[in-house]
Amino acid sequence: MKEYLALFIDIFGEIIILAILIRVIMSWIRPMGNKGGLGSFVFEITEPLLSFFRKIIPRMGMFDLSPIIALFAIEIVRSFLLSLLM
């Protein structure tokens, strides 16, 4: 049972990390045109996490550091949870 939970945590973390990276790349390609389709889906699943980090870390000019902080936090939490299970 622990192996399945560890696998779920690992895959879920990878999916969220991938979604954040896709969102960052999409913001470079089409900053205001991510409506509909994949852009809308990625926005919906990443916005709750990124908005949480935006409240903690304000923007630095035109740079939004929330994706970087979120990636670090996801990796730390995922590593911690996996180490507890193993």
C-alpha atoms as a PDB file:
ATOM      1  CA  MET A   1       0.000   0.000   0.000  1.00  0.00           C
ATOM      2  CA  LYS A   2       2.855   2.398   0.792  1.00  0.00           C
ATOM      3  CA  GLU A   3       4.330   1.857  -2.661  1.00  0.00           C
ATOM      4  CA  TYR A   4       1.089   2.916  -4.354  1.00  0.00           C
ATOM      5  CA  LEU A   5       0.784   6.009  -2.198  1.00  0.00           C
ATOM      6  CA  ALA A   6       4.417   6.908  -2.888  1.00  0.00           C
ATOM      7  CA  LEU A   7       3.863   6.416  -6.612  1.00  0.00           C
ATOM      8  CA  PHE A   8       0.734   8.586  -6.502  1.00  0.00           C
ATOM      9  CA  ILE A   9       2.571  11.383  -4.662  1.00  0.00           C
ATOM     10  CA  ASP A  10       5.461  11.179  -7.097  1.00  0.00           C
ATOM     11  CA  ILE A  11       3.277  11.273 -10.211  1.00  0.00           C
ATOM     12  CA  PHE A  12       0.998  13.988  -8.814  1.00  0.00           C
ATOM     13  CA  GLY A  13       4.025  16.158  -8.016  1.00  0.00           C
ATOM     14  CA  GLU A  14       5.406  15.664 -11.516  1.00  0.00           C
ATOM     15  CA  ILE A  15       2.070  16.606 -13.086  1.00  0.00           C
ATOM     16  CA  ILE A  16       1.815  19.826 -11.065  1.00  0.00           C
ATOM     17  CA  ILE A  17       5.441  20.728 -11.845  1.00  0.00           C
ATOM     18  CA  LEU A  18       4.834  20.086 -15.544  1.00  0.00           C
ATOM     19  CA  ALA A  19       1.655  22.182 -15.483  1.00  0.00           C
ATOM     20  CA  ILE A  20       3.515  25.111 -13.877  1.00  0.00           C
ATOM     21  CA  LEU A  21       6.293  24.877 -16.461  1.00  0.00           C
ATOM     22  CA  ILE A  22       3.741  24.784 -19.288  1.00  0.00           C
ATOM     23  CA  ARG A  23       2.033  27.841 -17.820  1.00  0.00           C
ATOM     24  CA  VAL A  24       5.330  29.743 -17.636  1.00  0.00           C
ATOM     25  CA  ILE A  25       6.200  28.883 -21.248  1.00  0.00           C
ATOM     26  CA  MET A  26       2.701  29.808 -22.411  1.00  0.00           C
ATOM     27  CA  SER A  27       3.006  33.167 -20.657  1.00  0.00           C
ATOM     28  CA  TRP A  28       6.136  33.896 -22.689  1.00  0.00           C
ATOM     29  CA  ILE A  29       4.541  32.882 -25.991  1.00  0.00           C
ATOM     30  CA  ARG A  30       1.074  34.413 -25.567  1.00  0.00           C
ATOM     31  CA  PRO A  31       0.971  36.511 -22.392  1.00  0.00           C
ATOM     32  CA  MET A  32      -2.695  37.463 -22.600  1.00  0.00           C
ATOM     33  CA  GLY A  33      -4.005  34.776 -24.955  1.00  0.00           C
ATOM     34  CA  ASN A  34      -4.228  31.685 -22.765  1.00  0.00           C
ATOM     35  CA  LYS A  35      -8.003  31.468 -22.902  1.00  0.00           C
ATOM     36  CA  GLY A  36      -9.640  28.235 -23.949  1.00  0.00           C
ATOM     37  CA  GLY A  37      -8.294  24.746 -24.449  1.00  0.00           C
ATOM     38  CA  LEU A  38      -5.000  23.774 -22.859  1.00  0.00           C
ATOM     39  CA  GLY A  39      -4.284  27.290 -21.596  1.00  0.00           C
ATOM     40  CA  SER A  40      -7.510  27.433 -19.638  1.00  0.00           C
ATOM     41  CA  PHE A  41      -6.977  23.959 -18.169  1.00  0.00           C
ATOM     42  CA  VAL A  42      -3.400  24.716 -17.097  1.00  0.00           C
ATOM     43  CA  PHE A  43      -4.492  28.055 -15.607  1.00  0.00           C
ATOM     44  CA  GLU A  44      -7.271  26.410 -13.595  1.00  0.00           C
ATOM     45  CA  ILE A  45      -5.057  23.742 -12.028  1.00  0.00           C
ATOM     46  CA  THR A  46      -2.083  26.008 -11.270  1.00  0.00           C
ATOM     47  CA  GLU A  47      -3.728  29.256 -10.192  1.00  0.00           C
ATOM     48  CA  PRO A  48      -4.716  28.185  -6.635  1.00  0.00           C
ATOM     49  CA  LEU A  49      -1.129  27.244  -5.836  1.00  0.00           C
ATOM     50  CA  LEU A  50       0.465  30.230  -7.559  1.00  0.00           C
ATOM     51  CA  SER A  51      -1.976  32.721  -6.027  1.00  0.00           C
ATOM     52  CA  PHE A  52      -1.054  31.382  -2.581  1.00  0.00           C
ATOM     53  CA  PHE A  53       2.620  32.100  -3.237  1.00  0.00           C
ATOM     54  CA  ARG A  54       1.820  35.509  -4.787  1.00  0.00           C
ATOM     55  CA  LYS A  55       0.278  36.544  -1.459  1.00  0.00           C
ATOM     56  CA  ILE A  56       3.523  35.641   0.315  1.00  0.00           C
ATOM     57  CA  ILE A  57       6.013  36.922  -2.297  1.00  0.00           C
ATOM     58  CA  PRO A  58       4.989  40.112  -4.086  1.00  0.00           C
ATOM     59  CA  ARG A  59       5.948  40.825  -7.681  1.00  0.00           C
ATOM     60  CA  MET A  60       9.359  42.304  -8.318  1.00  0.00           C
ATOM     61  CA  GLY A  61       8.563  44.817 -11.019  1.00  0.00           C
ATOM     62  CA  MET A  62       7.345  42.867 -13.997  1.00  0.00           C
ATOM     63  CA  PHE A  63       8.707  39.546 -12.685  1.00  0.00           C
ATOM     64  CA  ASP A  64       6.447  37.040 -10.958  1.00  0.00           C
ATOM     65  CA  LEU A  65       8.551  34.734  -8.802  1.00  0.00           C
ATOM     66  CA  SER A  66       5.628  32.623  -7.602  1.00  0.00           C
ATOM     67  CA  PRO A  67       6.238  29.792 -10.137  1.00  0.00           C
ATOM     68  CA  ILE A  68       9.857  29.412  -8.995  1.00  0.00           C
ATOM     69  CA  ILE A  69       8.900  29.382  -5.317  1.00  0.00           C
ATOM     70  CA  ALA A  70       6.046  26.961  -6.029  1.00  0.00           C
ATOM     71  CA  LEU A  71       8.389  24.574  -7.852  1.00  0.00           C
ATOM     72  CA  PHE A  72      10.816  24.577  -4.918  1.00  0.00           C
ATOM     73  CA  ALA A  73       7.990  24.079  -2.407  1.00  0.00           C
ATOM     74  CA  ILE A  74       6.453  21.207  -4.381  1.00  0.00           C
ATOM     75  CA  GLU A  75       9.820  19.485  -4.625  1.00  0.00           C
ATOM     76  CA  ILE A  76      10.515  19.898  -0.900  1.00  0.00           C
ATOM     77  CA  VAL A  77       7.068  18.630   0.136  1.00  0.00           C
ATOM     78  CA  ARG A  78       7.220  15.743  -2.330  1.00  0.00           C
ATOM     79  CA  SER A  79      10.676  14.692  -1.128  1.00  0.00           C
ATOM     80  CA  PHE A  80       9.574  14.927   2.500  1.00  0.00           C
ATOM     81  CA  LEU A  81       6.439  12.849   1.935  1.00  0.00           C
ATOM     82  CA  LEU A  82       8.321  10.228  -0.051  1.00  0.00           C
ATOM     83  CA  SER A  83      11.006   9.956   2.618  1.00  0.00           C
ATOM     84  CA  LEU A  84       8.300   9.390   5.244  1.00  0.00           C
ATOM     85  CA  LEU A  85       6.807   6.575   3.198  1.00  0.00           C
ATOM     86  CA  MET A  86      10.076   4.791   2.400  1.00  0.00           C
END
